[in-house]
C-alpha atoms as a PDB file:
ATOM      1  CA  MET A   1      -0.441  -0.006   0.004  1.00  0.00           C
ATOM      2  CA  ILE A   2       2.813   2.215   0.769  1.00  0.00           C
ATOM      3  CA  LYS A   3       5.202   1.242  -2.136  1.00  0.00           C
ATOM      4  CA  ALA A   4       4.786   3.677  -5.171  1.00  0.00           C
ATOM      5  CA  PHE A   5       2.068   5.899  -3.091  1.00  0.00           C
ATOM      6  CA  LEU A   6       3.684   9.288  -4.225  1.00  0.00           C
ATOM      7  CA  LYS A   7       4.394   8.258  -8.176  1.00  0.00           C
ATOM      8  CA  ASP A   8       2.063  10.583  -9.408  1.00  0.00           C
ATOM      9  CA  SER A   9       3.885  13.493  -7.406  1.00  0.00           C
ATOM     10  CA  GLY A  10       4.833  16.765  -9.946  1.00  0.00           C
ATOM     11  CA  THR A  11       8.465  18.351  -9.722  1.00  0.00           C
ATOM     12  CA  PHE A  12       7.444  20.832  -7.095  1.00  0.00           C
ATOM     13  CA  GLN A  13       6.025  18.266  -4.875  1.00  0.00           C
ATOM     14  CA  LYS A  14       9.072  15.953  -5.302  1.00  0.00           C
ATOM     15  CA  ILE A  15      11.172  18.866  -3.782  1.00  0.00           C
ATOM     16  CA  PHE A  16       9.145  19.682  -1.330  1.00  0.00           C
ATOM     17  CA  GLN A  17       9.026  15.782  -0.335  1.00  0.00           C
ATOM     18  CA  LEU A  18      12.917  15.578  -0.576  1.00  0.00           C
ATOM     19  CA  ILE A  19      13.202  18.651   1.736  1.00  0.00           C
ATOM     20  CA  ILE A  20      11.020  17.481   4.359  1.00  0.00           C
ATOM     21  CA  ALA A  21      12.637  13.967   3.949  1.00  0.00           C
ATOM     22  CA  PHE A  22      16.278  15.441   4.224  1.00  0.00           C
ATOM     23  CA  PHE A  23      15.337  17.704   7.290  1.00  0.00           C
ATOM     24  CA  VAL A  24      13.581  14.925   9.410  1.00  0.00           C
ATOM     25  CA  ILE A  25      16.467  12.564   8.785  1.00  0.00           C
ATOM     26  CA  LEU A  26      19.104  15.640   9.729  1.00  0.00           C
ATOM     27  CA  ILE A  27      16.896  16.215  13.022  1.00  0.00           C
ATOM     28  CA  PHE A  28      17.295  12.042  13.847  1.00  0.00           C
ATOM     29  CA  THR A  29      21.049  11.895  12.682  1.00  0.00           C
ATOM     30  CA  THR A  30      22.012  14.963  14.690  1.00  0.00           C
ATOM     31  CA  ALA A  31      20.310  13.227  17.810  1.00  0.00           C
ATOM     32  CA  VAL A  32      22.083  10.437  17.177  1.00  0.00           C
ATOM     33  CA  ILE A  33      25.248  11.877  16.826  1.00  0.00           C
ATOM     34  CA  THR A  34      24.862  13.684  20.129  1.00  0.00           C
ATOM     35  CA  VAL A  35      23.837  10.714  21.996  1.00  0.00           C
ATOM     36  CA  VAL A  36      26.694   8.323  20.303  1.00  0.00           C
ATOM     37  CA  THR A  37      29.478  10.822  20.525  1.00  0.00           C
ATOM     38  CA  HIS A  38      28.364  12.840  24.064  1.00  0.00           C
ATOM     39  CA  ASN A  39      28.680  15.807  21.987  1.00  0.00           C
ATOM     40  CA  ASP A  40      32.243  15.588  21.967  1.00  0.00           C
ATOM     41  CA  MET A  41      34.092  16.243  18.664  1.00  0.00           C
ATOM     42  CA  SER A  42      37.453  16.659  19.872  1.00  0.00           C
ATOM     43  CA  SER A  43      38.682  13.085  18.986  1.00  0.00           C
ATOM     44  CA  VAL A  44      38.911  11.420  15.592  1.00  0.00           C
ATOM     45  CA  ARG A  45      36.848   8.509  16.846  1.00  0.00           C
ATOM     46  CA  SER A  46      33.917  10.980  17.321  1.00  0.00           C
ATOM     47  CA  LEU A  47      34.668  12.667  14.080  1.00  0.00           C
ATOM     48  CA  LYS A  48      34.511   9.381  12.140  1.00  0.00           C
ATOM     49  CA  ILE A  49      31.016   8.168  13.667  1.00  0.00           C
ATOM     50  CA  MET A  50      29.592  11.817  13.034  1.00  0.00           C
ATOM     51  CA  GLN A  51      31.008  11.305   9.415  1.00  0.00           C
ATOM     52  CA  MET A  52      29.578   7.751   9.055  1.00  0.00           C
ATOM     53  CA  ILE A  53      26.068   8.850  10.426  1.00  0.00           C
ATOM     54  CA  GLN A  54      25.572  12.187   8.529  1.00  0.00           C
ATOM     55  CA  ALA A  55      27.232   9.947   5.270  1.00  0.00           C
ATOM     56  CA  VAL A  56      24.332   7.133   5.551  1.00  0.00           C
ATOM     57  CA  GLY A  57      21.315   9.677   6.948  1.00  0.00           C
ATOM     58  CA  LEU A  58      21.443  12.346   5.230  1.00  0.00           C
ATOM     59  CA  PHE A  59      22.497  10.916   1.554  1.00  0.00           C
ATOM     60  CA  VAL A  60      21.604   7.241   1.407  1.00  0.00           C
ATOM     61  CA  LEU A  61      18.276   6.983   3.289  1.00  0.00           C
ATOM     62  CA  PRO A  62      16.296   9.660   1.645  1.00  0.00           C
ATOM     63  CA  PRO A  63      16.830   8.590  -1.651  1.00  0.00           C
ATOM     64  CA  LEU A  64      16.118   4.954  -1.030  1.00  0.00           C
ATOM     65  CA  VAL A  65      12.726   6.200   0.922  1.00  0.00           C
ATOM     66  CA  LEU A  66      11.763   8.558  -1.674  1.00  0.00           C
ATOM     67  CA  ALA A  67      12.236   5.845  -4.532  1.00  0.00           C
ATOM     68  CA  TYR A  68      10.388   3.524  -2.715  1.00  0.00           C
ATOM     69  CA  LEU A  69       7.179   6.073  -2.481  1.00  0.00           C
ATOM     70  CA  TRP A  70       7.827   7.171  -5.960  1.00  0.00           C
ATOM     71  CA  SER A  71       8.220   3.848  -7.862  1.00  0.00           C
ATOM     72  CA  ASP A  72       7.245   0.424  -8.100  1.00  0.00           C
ATOM     73  CA  LYS A  73      11.078  -0.325  -8.845  1.00  0.00           C
ATOM     74  CA  PRO A  74      13.090   1.814  -6.466  1.00  0.00           C
ATOM     75  CA  LEU A  75      16.409   0.213  -7.571  1.00  0.00           C
ATOM     76  CA  ASN A  76      15.329   0.742 -10.886  1.00  0.00           C
ATOM     77  CA  TYR A  77      14.324   4.403 -10.164  1.00  0.00           C
ATOM     78  CA  LEU A  78      17.840   5.096  -8.552  1.00  0.00           C
ATOM     79  CA  GLY A  79      19.549   3.930 -11.831  1.00  0.00           C
ATOM     80  CA  PHE A  80      21.087   0.737 -10.270  1.00  0.00           C
ATOM     81  CA  LYS A  81      20.777  -1.175 -13.545  1.00  0.00           C
ATOM     82  CA  SER A  82      23.302  -1.942 -16.369  1.00  0.00           C
ATOM     83  CA  GLY A  83      24.057  -0.064 -19.375  1.00  0.00           C
ATOM     84  CA  PHE A  84      27.859   0.131 -18.915  1.00  0.00           C
ATOM     85  CA  THR A  85      30.511  -2.882 -19.613  1.00  0.00           C
ATOM     86  CA  PHE A  86      33.837  -3.522 -17.669  1.00  0.00           C
ATOM     87  CA  ALA A  87      35.595  -1.661 -20.495  1.00  0.00           C
ATOM     88  CA  ASP A  88      33.415   1.786 -19.344  1.00  0.00           C
ATOM     89  CA  LEU A  89      34.341   1.273 -15.787  1.00  0.00           C
ATOM     90  CA  LEU A  90      37.780   1.205 -16.491  1.00  0.00           C
ATOM     91  CA  LEU A  91      37.688   4.156 -18.995  1.00  0.00           C
ATOM     92  CA  VAL A  92      36.074   6.199 -16.263  1.00  0.00           C
ATOM     93  CA  ALA A  93      38.375   4.927 -13.472  1.00  0.00           C
ATOM     94  CA  VAL A  94      41.438   6.141 -15.801  1.00  0.00           C
ATOM     95  CA  PHE A  95      39.723   9.496 -16.992  1.00  0.00           C
ATOM     96  CA  MET A  96      39.635  10.256 -13.048  1.00  0.00           C
ATOM     97  CA  VAL A  97      43.222   9.523 -12.468  1.00  0.00           C
ATOM     98  CA  VAL A  98      44.180  11.457 -15.463  1.00  0.00           C
ATOM     99  CA  ALA A  99      42.083  14.670 -14.615  1.00  0.00           C
ATOM    100  CA  ILE A 100      43.751  15.134 -11.176  1.00  0.00           C
ATOM    101  CA  PRO A 101      45.990  17.921 -12.601  1.00  0.00           C
ATOM    102  CA  PHE A 102      43.429  19.891 -14.320  1.00  0.00           C
ATOM    103  CA  ILE A 103      41.222  19.468 -11.595  1.00  0.00           C
ATOM    104  CA  ASN A 104      43.951  20.972  -9.483  1.00  0.00           C
ATOM    105  CA  LEU A 105      44.639  23.613 -12.040  1.00  0.00           C
ATOM    106  CA  ILE A 106      41.077  24.862 -11.805  1.00  0.00           C
ATOM    107  CA  SER A 107      41.164  24.689  -8.273  1.00  0.00           C
ATOM    108  CA  SER A 108      44.203  26.849  -7.867  1.00  0.00           C
ATOM    109  CA  LEU A 109      42.345  29.521 -10.388  1.00  0.00           C
ATOM    110  CA  ASN A 110      39.009  29.248  -7.867  1.00  0.00           C
ATOM    111  CA  GLN A 111      41.447  30.027  -5.167  1.00  0.00           C
ATOM    112  CA  LEU A 112      42.456  33.374  -6.702  1.00  0.00           C
ATOM    113  CA  LEU A 113      38.785  34.772  -6.940  1.00  0.00           C
ATOM    114  CA  VAL A 114      38.400  37.591  -4.516  1.00  0.00           C
ATOM    115  CA  LEU A 115      34.701  38.762  -3.500  1.00  0.00           C
ATOM    116  CA  PRO A 116      34.280  42.672  -3.335  1.00  0.00           C
ATOM    117  CA  ASP A 117      34.766  44.508  -0.241  1.00  0.00           C
ATOM    118  CA  PHE A 118      31.122  44.617   0.837  1.00  0.00           C
ATOM    119  CA  PHE A 119      31.305  40.813   1.125  1.00  0.00           C
ATOM    120  CA  SER A 120      34.642  40.660   3.278  1.00  0.00           C
ATOM    121  CA  SER A 121      32.989  39.351   6.398  1.00  0.00           C
ATOM    122  CA  ALA A 122      31.518  36.455   4.359  1.00  0.00           C
ATOM    123  CA  GLU A 123      34.717  35.714   2.734  1.00  0.00           C
ATOM    124  CA  LEU A 124      36.962  35.926   6.238  1.00  0.00           C
ATOM    125  CA  TRP A 125      33.949  33.084   7.498  1.00  0.00           C
ATOM    126  CA  MET A 126      34.326  30.825   4.364  1.00  0.00           C
ATOM    127  CA  LYS A 127      38.092  30.657   4.714  1.00  0.00           C
ATOM    128  CA  ALA A 128      37.675  30.240   8.531  1.00  0.00           C
ATOM    129  CA  SER A 129      35.369  27.198   7.261  1.00  0.00           C
ATOM    130  CA  GLU A 130      37.407  25.943   4.664  1.00  0.00           C
ATOM    131  CA  LYS A 131      40.491  26.013   6.822  1.00  0.00           C
ATOM    132  CA  GLN A 132      38.559  24.240   9.768  1.00  0.00           C
ATOM    133  CA  ILE A 133      37.453  21.496   7.358  1.00  0.00           C
ATOM    134  CA  ALA A 134      40.915  21.133   5.794  1.00  0.00           C
ATOM    135  CA  GLU A 135      42.109  20.466   9.427  1.00  0.00           C
ATOM    136  CA  ILE A 136      38.937  17.351  10.310  1.00  0.00           C
ATOM    137  CA  THR A 137      40.017  16.342   6.989  1.00  0.00           C
ATOM    138  CA  ALA A 138      43.977  15.945   7.651  1.00  0.00           C
ATOM    139  CA  LYS A 139      43.110  14.418  11.235  1.00  0.00           C
ATOM    140  CA  MET A 140      40.459  11.921   9.693  1.00  0.00           C
ATOM    141  CA  LEU A 141      43.178  10.775   6.835  1.00  0.00           C
ATOM    142  CA  ASN A 142      46.326  10.223   9.288  1.00  0.00           C
ATOM    143  CA  VAL A 143      46.112   6.629  10.046  1.00  0.00           C
ATOM    144  CA  HIS A 144      49.128   4.115  10.141  1.00  0.00           C
ATOM    145  CA  THR A 145      47.593   0.480   9.949  1.00  0.00           C
ATOM    146  CA  PHE A 146      45.921  -1.419   6.736  1.00  0.00           C
ATOM    147  CA  PRO A 147      42.887  -1.858   8.788  1.00  0.00           C
ATOM    148  CA  GLU A 148      42.226   1.758   9.399  1.00  0.00           C
ATOM    149  CA  LEU A 149      42.963   2.595   5.524  1.00  0.00           C
ATOM    150  CA  LEU A 150      40.319  -0.089   4.730  1.00  0.00           C
ATOM    151  CA  PHE A 151      38.036   1.740   7.380  1.00  0.00           C
ATOM    152  CA  ASN A 152      39.018   5.317   5.720  1.00  0.00           C
ATOM    153  CA  ILE A 153      38.011   3.922   2.283  1.00  0.00           C
ATOM    154  CA  LEU A 154      34.838   2.779   3.540  1.00  0.00           C
ATOM    155  CA  LEU A 155      34.073   5.608   5.241  1.00  0.00           C
ATOM    156  CA  ILE A 156      35.856   8.476   2.742  1.00  0.00           C
ATOM    157  CA  ALA A 157      35.107   6.781  -0.670  1.00  0.00           C
ATOM    158  CA  ILE A 158      33.047   4.143  -0.650  1.00  0.00           C
ATOM    159  CA  ILE A 159      29.717   5.329   1.389  1.00  0.00           C
ATOM    160  CA  PRO A 160      30.130   8.974  -0.004  1.00  0.00           C
ATOM    161  CA  ALA A 161      30.047   7.702  -3.432  1.00  0.00           C
ATOM    162  CA  MET A 162      27.152   5.605  -3.481  1.00  0.00           C
ATOM    163  CA  GLY A 163      25.223   8.146  -0.988  1.00  0.00           C
ATOM    164  CA  GLU A 164      26.313  11.260  -2.710  1.00  0.00           C
ATOM    165  CA  GLU A 165      25.289   9.838  -6.232  1.00  0.00           C
ATOM    166  CA  MET A 166      21.783   8.487  -5.143  1.00  0.00           C
ATOM    167  CA  PHE A 167      20.990  11.841  -3.482  1.00  0.00           C
ATOM    168  CA  PHE A 168      22.377  14.235  -6.119  1.00  0.00           C
ATOM    169  CA  ARG A 169      22.257  12.560  -9.480  1.00  0.00           C
ATOM    170  CA  ALA A 170      19.702   9.817  -8.939  1.00  0.00           C
ATOM    171  CA  THR A 171      17.191  12.118  -7.039  1.00  0.00           C
ATOM    172  CA  ILE A 172      17.838  15.706  -7.568  1.00  0.00           C
ATOM    173  CA  GLN A 173      19.216  15.514 -11.195  1.00  0.00           C
ATOM    174  CA  LYS A 174      16.553  13.368 -11.926  1.00  0.00           C
ATOM    175  CA  ILE A 175      13.681  15.142 -10.585  1.00  0.00           C
ATOM    176  CA  PHE A 176      14.651  18.491 -12.777  1.00  0.00           C
ATOM    177  CA  THR A 177      15.452  16.191 -15.501  1.00  0.00           C
ATOM    178  CA  GLU A 178      11.948  15.206 -15.732  1.00  0.00           C
ATOM    179  CA  TRP A 179      10.953  18.931 -14.873  1.00  0.00           C
ATOM    180  CA  ARG A 180      12.985  20.194 -18.013  1.00  0.00           C
ATOM    181  CA  LYS A 181      15.972  19.039 -20.529  1.00  0.00           C
ATOM    182  CA  ALA A 182      18.624  17.107 -19.022  1.00  0.00           C
ATOM    183  CA  VAL A 183      21.224  19.649 -19.011  1.00  0.00           C
ATOM    184  CA  TRP A 184      18.979  21.519 -16.060  1.00  0.00           C
ATOM    185  CA  GLY A 185      19.091  18.438 -14.133  1.00  0.00           C
ATOM    186  CA  ILE A 186      22.809  18.058 -14.206  1.00  0.00           C
ATOM    187  CA  TRP A 187      23.888  21.654 -13.746  1.00  0.00           C
ATOM    188  CA  ILE A 188      21.459  22.253 -10.678  1.00  0.00           C
ATOM    189  CA  ALA A 189      22.379  18.850  -9.326  1.00  0.00           C
ATOM    190  CA  ALA A 190      26.200  20.132  -9.954  1.00  0.00           C
ATOM    191  CA  PHE A 191      25.605  23.254  -8.135  1.00  0.00           C
ATOM    192  CA  VAL A 192      23.876  22.095  -5.092  1.00  0.00           C
ATOM    193  CA  PHE A 193      26.442  19.215  -4.904  1.00  0.00           C
ATOM    194  CA  SER A 194      29.279  21.789  -4.822  1.00  0.00           C
ATOM    195  CA  ALA A 195      27.565  24.135  -2.323  1.00  0.00           C
ATOM    196  CA  ILE A 196      26.300  21.722   0.065  1.00  0.00           C
ATOM    197  CA  HIS A 197      30.181  21.066   0.819  1.00  0.00           C
ATOM    198  CA  LEU A 198      30.288  24.947   1.991  1.00  0.00           C
ATOM    199  CA  GLN A 199      33.636  25.071   0.480  1.00  0.00           C
ATOM    200  CA  PHE A 200      33.817  28.310  -1.597  1.00  0.00           C
ATOM    201  CA  TYR A 201      37.516  28.198  -2.835  1.00  0.00           C
ATOM    202  CA  GLY A 202      36.608  24.671  -3.982  1.00  0.00           C
ATOM    203  CA  PHE A 203      33.192  25.163  -5.743  1.00  0.00           C
ATOM    204  CA  VAL A 204      34.122  25.333  -9.137  1.00  0.00           C
ATOM    205  CA  PRO A 205      36.375  22.473  -9.654  1.00  0.00           C
ATOM    206  CA  ARG A 206      33.519  20.497  -7.361  1.00  0.00           C
ATOM    207  CA  MET A 207      30.859  21.696  -9.708  1.00  0.00           C
ATOM    208  CA  LEU A 208      32.525  20.757 -12.640  1.00  0.00           C
ATOM    209  CA  LEU A 209      33.042  17.125 -11.194  1.00  0.00           C
ATOM    210  CA  GLY A 210      29.462  16.859 -10.483  1.00  0.00           C
ATOM    211  CA  ALA A 211      28.563  17.783 -13.909  1.00  0.00           C
ATOM    212  CA  PHE A 212      30.775  15.268 -14.855  1.00  0.00           C
ATOM    213  CA  PHE A 213      29.193  12.625 -12.828  1.00  0.00           C
ATOM    214  CA  GLY A 214      26.014  14.049 -13.920  1.00  0.00           C
ATOM    215  CA  TYR A 215      26.752  13.267 -17.588  1.00  0.00           C
ATOM    216  CA  LEU A 216      27.576   9.804 -17.044  1.00  0.00           C
ATOM    217  CA  TYR A 217      24.740   9.292 -15.526  1.00  0.00           C
ATOM    218  CA  ALA A 218      22.669  10.865 -18.319  1.00  0.00           C
ATOM    219  CA  TRP A 219      24.732   9.066 -20.743  1.00  0.00           C
ATOM    220  CA  SER A 220      24.926   5.577 -19.746  1.00  0.00           C
ATOM    221  CA  GLY A 221      21.250   5.737 -17.928  1.00  0.00           C
ATOM    222  CA  SER A 222      22.885   3.935 -15.112  1.00  0.00           C
ATOM    223  CA  LEU A 223      24.353   5.203 -11.388  1.00  0.00           C
ATOM    224  CA  TRP A 224      27.289   2.758 -11.280  1.00  0.00           C
ATOM    225  CA  LEU A 225      29.271   4.755 -13.368  1.00  0.00           C
ATOM    226  CA  PRO A 226      29.299   8.249 -11.613  1.00  0.00           C
ATOM    227  CA  VAL A 227      29.506   6.050  -8.398  1.00  0.00           C
ATOM    228  CA  VAL A 228      32.940   4.367  -9.636  1.00  0.00           C
ATOM    229  CA  ALA A 229      34.043   7.978 -10.593  1.00  0.00           C
ATOM    230  CA  HIS A 230      33.260   9.539  -7.501  1.00  0.00           C
ATOM    231  CA  PHE A 231      34.921   6.271  -5.571  1.00  0.00           C
ATOM    232  CA  VAL A 232      38.163   6.613  -7.665  1.00  0.00           C
ATOM    233  CA  ASN A 233      38.476  10.454  -6.930  1.00  0.00           C
ATOM    234  CA  ASN A 234      38.326  10.223  -3.012  1.00  0.00           C
ATOM    235  CA  ALA A 235      39.761   6.916  -2.818  1.00  0.00           C
ATOM    236  CA  ILE A 236      43.089   8.267  -4.355  1.00  0.00           C
ATOM    237  CA  ALA A 237      43.311  11.122  -1.677  1.00  0.00           C
ATOM    238  CA  VAL A 238      42.570   8.104   0.681  1.00  0.00           C
ATOM    239  CA  VAL A 239      45.531   6.288  -0.532  1.00  0.00           C
ATOM    240  CA  PHE A 240      47.774   9.098  -1.314  1.00  0.00           C
ATOM    241  CA  TYR A 241      47.439  10.579   2.314  1.00  0.00           C
ATOM    242  CA  TYR A 242      47.988   7.061   3.875  1.00  0.00           C
ATOM    243  CA  LEU A 243      51.240   6.511   2.068  1.00  0.00           C
ATOM    244  CA  LYS A 244      52.616  10.163   3.002  1.00  0.00           C
ATOM    245  CA  TYR A 245      51.603   9.747   6.668  1.00  0.00           C
ATOM    246  CA  ASN A 246      53.410   6.374   6.543  1.00  0.00           C
ATOM    247  CA  GLY A 247      56.925   8.023   5.335  1.00  0.00           C
ATOM    248  CA  VAL A 248      56.431   7.371   1.326  1.00  0.00           C
ATOM    249  CA  ASN A 249      58.098  10.413  -0.321  1.00  0.00           C
ATOM    250  CA  LEU A 250      55.634  11.306  -2.833  1.00  0.00           C
ATOM    251  CA  PRO A 251      54.988  15.050  -4.464  1.00  0.00           C
ATOM    252  CA  ASP A 252      51.881  16.970  -3.161  1.00  0.00           C
ATOM    253  CA  ILE A 253      48.945  15.454  -4.860  1.00  0.00           C
ATOM    254  CA  ASP A 254      46.896  18.604  -4.520  1.00  0.00           C
ATOM    255  CA  ARG A 255      49.538  20.879  -6.021  1.00  0.00           C
ATOM    256  CA  VAL A 256      50.198  18.304  -9.431  1.00  0.00           C
ATOM    257  CA  GLY A 257      49.286  20.526 -12.490  1.00  0.00           C
ATOM    258  CA  THR A 258      50.239  23.821 -11.050  1.00  0.00           C
ATOM    259  CA  GLY A 259      53.081  26.070 -10.590  1.00  0.00           C
ATOM    260  CA  ASP A 260      56.253  24.079 -12.147  1.00  0.00           C
ATOM    261  CA  THR A 261      54.025  21.180 -13.211  1.00  0.00           C
ATOM    262  CA  LEU A 262      51.221  23.890 -14.755  1.00  0.00           C
ATOM    263  CA  TRP A 263      52.001  22.229 -18.569  1.00  0.00           C
ATOM    264  CA  MET A 264      50.593  19.029 -16.693  1.00  0.00           C
ATOM    265  CA  GLY A 265      47.966  20.909 -15.735  1.00  0.00           C
ATOM    266  CA  VAL A 266      46.975  21.999 -19.257  1.00  0.00           C
ATOM    267  CA  LEU A 267      48.049  18.581 -20.905  1.00  0.00           C
ATOM    268  CA  SER A 268      45.330  17.054 -18.623  1.00  0.00           C
ATOM    269  CA  GLY A 269      43.067  19.466 -19.453  1.00  0.00           C
ATOM    270  CA  VAL A 270      42.954  18.436 -23.407  1.00  0.00           C
ATOM    271  CA  MET A 271      43.192  14.882 -22.353  1.00  0.00           C
ATOM    272  CA  VAL A 272      40.021  15.476 -20.047  1.00  0.00           C
ATOM    273  CA  VAL A 273      38.049  17.111 -23.294  1.00  0.00           C
ATOM    274  CA  VAL A 274      39.241  14.305 -25.370  1.00  0.00           C
ATOM    275  CA  GLY A 275      38.026  11.642 -22.744  1.00  0.00           C
ATOM    276  CA  VAL A 276      34.645  13.220 -22.208  1.00  0.00           C
ATOM    277  CA  VAL A 277      34.114  13.024 -26.142  1.00  0.00           C
ATOM    278  CA  VAL A 278      35.200   9.728 -26.402  1.00  0.00           C
ATOM    279  CA  LEU A 279      33.122   8.508 -23.154  1.00  0.00           C
ATOM    280  CA  LYS A 280      30.049  10.306 -24.556  1.00  0.00           C
ATOM    281  CA  ASN A 281      30.183   8.823 -28.052  1.00  0.00           C
ATOM    282  CA  ARG A 282      30.821   5.200 -26.392  1.00  0.00           C
ATOM    283  CA  LEU A 283      27.943   5.309 -23.937  1.00  0.00           C
ATOM    284  CA  LEU A 284      25.174   6.883 -26.091  1.00  0.00           C
ATOM    285  CA  ARG A 285      26.265   4.320 -29.039  1.00  0.00           C
ATOM    286  CA  ALA A 286      25.785   1.526 -26.643  1.00  0.00           C
ATOM    287  CA  ARG A 287      22.279   2.990 -25.655  1.00  0.00           C
ATOM    288  CA  ARG A 288      20.970   2.783 -29.122  1.00  0.00           C
END
């Protein structure tokens, strides 16, 4: 009786239902985090518990619940279906590695943006917020055993890749794509995806990443490709910092493609453009 109960909901009804579901679960997850951590965020353990509960509660549960209410086939509604080959997955993974210098180059240009004087207080808040987020991330990534590495991959790569793609691509993008053309859904979802991270000086590269994930979803019809792309992007950082914090001498992965290696950022950008064209043609041809 409950399954597909809201399947006739229109665009704005679905947006309202999504907002309600998100904030109801936000209140619940906040209460759970407070009880479990005793409201003490000073330890890495508490930070990871908070991250786990938020990642599952805010990004996995709302899409699952709403897909169940909106469709007779919830998993199909979310895009958990075929529409790709192993070669497609491999190409997407390689693409994400090749794109690192270009992403860093765009990020460095984003950081050069200066807000007008009347936004100075907002700019100071954004810089302080980004510094705090960077410090928290560094604490979470600083692990020294293989089991801790595996847990970080689960926490920072697997769960966010699944949850955020379900939330932004399979839910927000799908809602707006049903209302207007696919390009509207892709870029609205990408904008919200970047904005919700509250990192202004990384806003542009994150929005472009979100748009790429969205196009993968639109071209293939399957959520698995953006999930893999998202996973690879996050997992690379997790593994890199694990090696770095355990004494392996590596170049700073966040600066490759900038400064003395600017040529790598430019070359990576060219390869990204070519890669996008190749993936688009390949995935669309497979759907015909």
